[in-house]
Amino acid sequence: MTRRALLKKLVARSLLVLGISSSCGSEKTTTYTLAEVTSCDDLTGLPESEVAKRKQLGYVETSPIDDNICGNCQLYLPPLEDAKCGGCQLFKGPVLEKGYCTYWAPRM
C-alpha cells in the first residue's frame, strides 16, 4: 500500500469517527414547518427553546402599537401559498400579521 493510499484511508476513518462521536448524545431534533400548522396560535411541535425565544423577544399576537405590526416589519416572512401563517427571521413558529415583538423594524 502506498503512503498516499494509507493517508487517505486514515483520514476517511478519522472523519467517520468524528462524525459518529459528534452525533452521539445530541438532542433529538424534529423538523417543524409552518405548512403543517393548522392554527396560527398553535405551538404544538415547536421546540421549547423556540417558545422561550418568542417570549424573550416579547412576541404578542396583537400589536399594542397600531402602526408597528409584523406585517410591515422587515423581519416578517409572509405566508407561503398554502400556509395560513407567516413567520419571522428571528424565531420559528407561526406569526400573525397583526402581531408584534420588541425587535420590530420598519420595512424599507
N, C-alpha and C. Protein backbone atom coordinates (compact mmCIF):
# COMPACT_ATOMS: atom_id res chain seq x y z
N MET A 1 0.85 -1.17 0.00
CA MET A 1 0.00 0.00 0.00
C MET A 1 0.90 1.24 0.00
N THR A 2 0.55 2.21 -0.82
CA THR A 2 1.34 3.43 -0.89
C THR A 2 1.03 4.33 0.29
N ARG A 3 1.93 5.24 0.53
CA ARG A 3 1.75 6.20 1.62
C ARG A 3 0.49 7.04 1.39
N ARG A 4 0.28 7.43 0.15
CA ARG A 4 -0.90 8.23 -0.19
C ARG A 4 -2.20 7.47 0.11
N ALA A 5 -2.27 6.23 -0.27
CA ALA A 5 -3.46 5.41 -0.02
C ALA A 5 -3.68 5.23 1.48
N LEU A 6 -2.60 5.00 2.22
CA LEU A 6 -2.69 4.85 3.67
C LEU A 6 -3.22 6.13 4.32
N LEU A 7 -2.71 7.28 3.90
CA LEU A 7 -3.17 8.56 4.44
C LEU A 7 -4.65 8.80 4.13
N LYS A 8 -5.06 8.48 2.91
CA LYS A 8 -6.48 8.64 2.55
C LYS A 8 -7.37 7.78 3.44
N LYS A 9 -6.94 6.55 3.67
CA LYS A 9 -7.72 5.63 4.50
C LYS A 9 -7.80 6.15 5.94
N LEU A 10 -6.68 6.64 6.47
CA LEU A 10 -6.66 7.17 7.84
C LEU A 10 -7.56 8.40 7.98
N VAL A 11 -7.49 9.30 7.01
CA VAL A 11 -8.33 10.50 7.04
C VAL A 11 -9.80 10.12 6.96
N ALA A 12 -10.14 9.20 6.08
CA ALA A 12 -11.53 8.78 5.93
C ALA A 12 -12.06 8.17 7.21
N ARG A 13 -11.27 7.33 7.87
CA ARG A 13 -11.70 6.69 9.12
C ARG A 13 -11.82 7.71 10.24
N SER A 14 -10.88 8.65 10.30
CA SER A 14 -10.97 9.65 11.37
C SER A 14 -12.19 10.54 11.19
N LEU A 15 -12.53 10.88 9.94
CA LEU A 15 -13.73 11.68 9.69
C LEU A 15 -14.98 10.91 10.07
N LEU A 16 -14.97 9.61 9.80
CA LEU A 16 -16.10 8.77 10.17
C LEU A 16 -16.27 8.74 11.69
N VAL A 17 -15.18 8.56 12.41
CA VAL A 17 -15.22 8.53 13.87
C VAL A 17 -15.68 9.87 14.42
N LEU A 18 -15.17 10.97 13.85
CA LEU A 18 -15.60 12.30 14.29
C LEU A 18 -17.08 12.51 14.05
N GLY A 19 -17.58 12.07 12.93
CA GLY A 19 -19.00 12.20 12.62
C GLY A 19 -19.86 11.43 13.58
N ILE A 20 -19.44 10.23 13.93
CA ILE A 20 -20.21 9.41 14.86
C ILE A 20 -20.18 10.02 16.25
N SER A 21 -19.00 10.43 16.72
CA SER A 21 -18.90 10.96 18.07
C SER A 21 -19.61 12.29 18.22
N SER A 22 -19.67 13.09 17.16
CA SER A 22 -20.37 14.38 17.28
C SER A 22 -21.87 14.21 17.32
N SER A 23 -22.38 13.10 16.78
CA SER A 23 -23.82 12.89 16.80
C SER A 23 -24.27 12.14 18.04
N CYS A 24 -23.35 11.50 18.75
CA CYS A 24 -23.71 10.77 19.97
C CYS A 24 -24.12 11.75 21.06
N GLY A 25 -25.21 11.43 21.72
CA GLY A 25 -25.65 12.25 22.84
C GLY A 25 -26.30 13.56 22.42
N SER A 26 -26.43 13.80 21.13
CA SER A 26 -27.05 15.06 20.72
C SER A 26 -28.56 14.95 20.88
N GLU A 27 -29.20 16.10 21.03
CA GLU A 27 -30.64 16.15 21.21
C GLU A 27 -31.34 15.62 19.97
N LYS A 28 -32.43 14.96 20.19
CA LYS A 28 -33.25 14.51 19.09
C LYS A 28 -33.92 15.73 18.48
N THR A 29 -33.75 15.92 17.20
CA THR A 29 -34.34 17.09 16.56
C THR A 29 -35.54 16.69 15.73
N THR A 30 -36.53 17.53 15.72
CA THR A 30 -37.69 17.31 14.89
C THR A 30 -37.80 18.47 13.91
N THR A 31 -38.32 18.17 12.76
CA THR A 31 -38.48 19.21 11.76
C THR A 31 -39.82 19.89 11.99
N TYR A 32 -39.79 21.21 12.03
CA TYR A 32 -41.00 21.99 12.25
C TYR A 32 -41.21 22.85 11.03
N THR A 33 -42.38 22.75 10.41
CA THR A 33 -42.67 23.57 9.25
C THR A 33 -44.00 24.29 9.44
N LEU A 34 -44.04 25.52 8.96
CA LEU A 34 -45.27 26.31 9.07
C LEU A 34 -46.39 25.73 8.22
N ALA A 35 -46.07 25.00 7.17
CA ALA A 35 -47.09 24.43 6.30
C ALA A 35 -47.99 23.46 7.05
N GLU A 36 -47.46 22.84 8.11
CA GLU A 36 -48.23 21.87 8.89
C GLU A 36 -49.11 22.51 9.95
N VAL A 37 -48.94 23.80 10.20
CA VAL A 37 -49.69 24.50 11.25
C VAL A 37 -51.12 24.72 10.80
N THR A 38 -52.08 24.31 11.65
CA THR A 38 -53.49 24.47 11.31
C THR A 38 -54.08 25.74 11.91
N SER A 39 -53.46 26.23 12.98
CA SER A 39 -53.92 27.45 13.63
C SER A 39 -52.69 28.28 13.97
N CYS A 40 -52.78 29.58 13.74
CA CYS A 40 -51.61 30.44 13.94
C CYS A 40 -51.22 30.63 15.40
N ASP A 41 -52.05 30.19 16.32
CA ASP A 41 -51.67 30.25 17.73
C ASP A 41 -51.27 28.88 18.27
N ASP A 42 -51.16 27.89 17.39
CA ASP A 42 -50.78 26.53 17.76
C ASP A 42 -49.26 26.39 17.74
N LEU A 43 -48.67 26.15 18.91
CA LEU A 43 -47.22 25.99 19.02
C LEU A 43 -46.84 24.53 19.23
N THR A 44 -47.78 23.61 18.97
CA THR A 44 -47.52 22.19 19.11
C THR A 44 -46.37 21.79 18.19
N GLY A 45 -45.42 21.06 18.74
CA GLY A 45 -44.29 20.59 17.94
C GLY A 45 -43.13 21.56 17.89
N LEU A 46 -43.35 22.76 18.39
CA LEU A 46 -42.29 23.77 18.40
C LEU A 46 -41.37 23.49 19.59
N PRO A 47 -40.06 23.41 19.37
CA PRO A 47 -39.15 23.14 20.50
C PRO A 47 -39.28 24.19 21.60
N GLU A 48 -39.12 23.77 22.85
CA GLU A 48 -39.22 24.67 23.99
C GLU A 48 -38.29 25.87 23.86
N SER A 49 -37.11 25.64 23.28
CA SER A 49 -36.15 26.74 23.12
C SER A 49 -36.72 27.84 22.22
N GLU A 50 -37.48 27.46 21.21
CA GLU A 50 -38.09 28.44 20.31
C GLU A 50 -39.26 29.16 20.98
N VAL A 51 -40.02 28.45 21.80
CA VAL A 51 -41.11 29.08 22.55
C VAL A 51 -40.51 30.11 23.50
N ALA A 52 -39.42 29.75 24.16
CA ALA A 52 -38.74 30.67 25.08
C ALA A 52 -38.19 31.89 24.33
N LYS A 53 -37.67 31.66 23.14
CA LYS A 53 -37.12 32.77 22.34
C LYS A 53 -38.23 33.76 21.98
N ARG A 54 -39.40 33.24 21.62
CA ARG A 54 -40.55 34.10 21.30
C ARG A 54 -40.88 35.00 22.49
N LYS A 55 -40.88 34.38 23.68
CA LYS A 55 -41.20 35.13 24.90
C LYS A 55 -40.12 36.17 25.19
N GLN A 56 -38.85 35.78 25.02
CA GLN A 56 -37.74 36.71 25.25
C GLN A 56 -37.84 37.94 24.35
N LEU A 57 -38.28 37.74 23.12
CA LEU A 57 -38.37 38.83 22.17
C LEU A 57 -39.68 39.62 22.32
N GLY A 58 -40.51 39.20 23.26
CA GLY A 58 -41.74 39.93 23.55
C GLY A 58 -42.81 39.79 22.49
N TYR A 59 -42.83 38.66 21.77
CA TYR A 59 -43.84 38.48 20.73
C TYR A 59 -45.23 38.39 21.34
N VAL A 60 -46.16 39.17 20.78
CA VAL A 60 -47.58 39.11 21.15
C VAL A 60 -48.40 39.01 19.87
N GLU A 61 -49.56 38.40 19.96
CA GLU A 61 -50.39 38.17 18.77
C GLU A 61 -51.08 39.42 18.25
N THR A 62 -51.24 40.41 19.12
CA THR A 62 -51.86 41.67 18.70
C THR A 62 -50.95 42.81 19.14
N SER A 63 -50.52 43.62 18.19
CA SER A 63 -49.59 44.71 18.49
C SER A 63 -50.24 45.78 19.36
N PRO A 64 -49.51 46.24 20.37
CA PRO A 64 -50.01 47.34 21.19
C PRO A 64 -49.82 48.70 20.51
N ILE A 65 -49.08 48.71 19.40
CA ILE A 65 -48.79 49.95 18.66
C ILE A 65 -49.39 49.79 17.26
N ASP A 66 -50.39 50.60 16.95
CA ASP A 66 -51.15 50.45 15.71
C ASP A 66 -50.29 50.33 14.45
N ASP A 67 -49.29 51.16 14.30
CA ASP A 67 -48.50 51.17 13.07
C ASP A 67 -47.34 50.18 13.06
N ASN A 68 -47.06 49.55 14.18
CA ASN A 68 -45.95 48.60 14.26
C ASN A 68 -46.49 47.18 14.38
N ILE A 69 -46.70 46.55 13.24
CA ILE A 69 -47.20 45.18 13.22
C ILE A 69 -46.21 44.31 12.44
N CYS A 70 -46.28 43.03 12.67
CA CYS A 70 -45.38 42.11 11.98
C CYS A 70 -45.52 42.24 10.46
N GLY A 71 -46.73 42.49 9.99
CA GLY A 71 -46.96 42.61 8.55
C GLY A 71 -46.16 43.70 7.87
N ASN A 72 -45.76 44.74 8.61
CA ASN A 72 -44.94 45.79 7.98
C ASN A 72 -43.53 45.83 8.60
N CYS A 73 -43.12 44.70 9.16
CA CYS A 73 -41.78 44.58 9.74
C CYS A 73 -40.82 43.99 8.70
N GLN A 74 -39.62 44.46 8.73
CA GLN A 74 -38.58 43.99 7.81
C GLN A 74 -38.25 42.51 8.03
N LEU A 75 -38.48 41.99 9.22
CA LEU A 75 -38.12 40.61 9.56
C LEU A 75 -39.26 39.61 9.32
N TYR A 76 -40.42 40.10 8.96
CA TYR A 76 -41.61 39.26 8.75
C TYR A 76 -41.47 38.45 7.47
N LEU A 77 -41.87 37.19 7.55
CA LEU A 77 -41.89 36.30 6.38
C LEU A 77 -43.35 36.00 6.06
N PRO A 78 -43.89 36.57 4.98
CA PRO A 78 -45.30 36.36 4.65
C PRO A 78 -45.61 34.87 4.45
N PRO A 79 -46.86 34.48 4.65
CA PRO A 79 -47.22 33.07 4.48
C PRO A 79 -46.97 32.61 3.04
N LEU A 80 -46.54 31.37 2.92
CA LEU A 80 -46.37 30.79 1.60
C LEU A 80 -47.74 30.49 1.02
N GLU A 81 -47.77 30.09 -0.20
CA GLU A 81 -49.02 29.90 -0.95
C GLU A 81 -50.12 29.16 -0.19
N ASP A 82 -49.82 28.00 0.37
CA ASP A 82 -50.84 27.20 1.05
C ASP A 82 -50.83 27.36 2.57
N ALA A 83 -49.92 28.15 3.10
CA ALA A 83 -49.80 28.30 4.55
C ALA A 83 -50.79 29.33 5.08
N LYS A 84 -51.19 29.17 6.33
CA LYS A 84 -52.12 30.09 6.96
C LYS A 84 -51.40 31.21 7.70
N CYS A 85 -50.16 30.94 8.13
CA CYS A 85 -49.44 31.88 8.98
C CYS A 85 -48.12 32.29 8.36
N GLY A 86 -47.70 33.49 8.75
CA GLY A 86 -46.38 33.95 8.35
C GLY A 86 -45.35 33.45 9.34
N GLY A 87 -44.14 33.94 9.18
CA GLY A 87 -43.05 33.55 10.07
C GLY A 87 -42.18 34.75 10.37
N CYS A 88 -41.09 34.51 11.06
CA CYS A 88 -40.16 35.58 11.43
C CYS A 88 -38.73 35.07 11.24
N GLN A 89 -37.85 35.97 10.90
CA GLN A 89 -36.45 35.59 10.73
C GLN A 89 -35.76 35.38 12.07
N LEU A 90 -36.35 35.84 13.17
CA LEU A 90 -35.71 35.75 14.48
C LEU A 90 -36.04 34.47 15.25
N PHE A 91 -37.20 33.87 14.98
CA PHE A 91 -37.60 32.67 15.70
C PHE A 91 -38.51 31.83 14.83
N LYS A 92 -38.65 30.56 15.21
CA LYS A 92 -39.51 29.63 14.47
C LYS A 92 -40.92 29.71 15.01
N GLY A 93 -41.84 29.24 14.20
CA GLY A 93 -43.22 29.16 14.63
C GLY A 93 -44.10 30.16 13.89
N PRO A 94 -45.40 30.00 14.04
CA PRO A 94 -46.34 30.88 13.35
C PRO A 94 -46.31 32.30 13.89
N VAL A 95 -46.47 33.23 12.97
CA VAL A 95 -46.51 34.66 13.33
C VAL A 95 -47.72 35.29 12.65
N LEU A 96 -48.50 35.98 13.44
CA LEU A 96 -49.67 36.68 12.89
C LEU A 96 -49.26 38.01 12.28
N GLU A 97 -49.88 38.37 11.20
CA GLU A 97 -49.58 39.64 10.53
C GLU A 97 -49.80 40.83 11.47
N LYS A 98 -50.78 40.72 12.37
CA LYS A 98 -51.10 41.80 13.30
C LYS A 98 -50.30 41.70 14.60
N GLY A 99 -49.36 40.74 14.67
CA GLY A 99 -48.54 40.54 15.86
C GLY A 99 -47.46 41.61 16.00
N TYR A 100 -46.62 41.45 17.02
CA TYR A 100 -45.58 42.43 17.30
C TYR A 100 -44.53 41.81 18.23
N CYS A 101 -43.29 42.26 18.11
CA CYS A 101 -42.26 41.92 19.10
C CYS A 101 -41.35 43.13 19.28
N THR A 102 -40.52 43.08 20.28
CA THR A 102 -39.67 44.23 20.61
C THR A 102 -38.60 44.50 19.57
N TYR A 103 -38.39 43.60 18.64
CA TYR A 103 -37.39 43.80 17.58
C TYR A 103 -38.01 44.28 16.28
N TRP A 104 -39.21 44.82 16.34
CA TRP A 104 -39.89 45.32 15.15
C TRP A 104 -39.00 46.33 14.44
N ALA A 105 -38.85 46.16 13.14
CA ALA A 105 -38.04 47.08 12.33
C ALA A 105 -38.85 47.46 11.10
N PRO A 106 -39.01 48.76 10.82
CA PRO A 106 -39.84 49.17 9.69
C PRO A 106 -39.32 48.63 8.36
N ARG A 107 -40.24 48.20 7.53
CA ARG A 107 -39.88 47.72 6.20
C ARG A 107 -39.49 48.92 5.35
N MET A 108 -38.38 48.81 4.70
CA MET A 108 -37.88 49.92 3.87
C MET A 108 -38.43 49.87 2.48
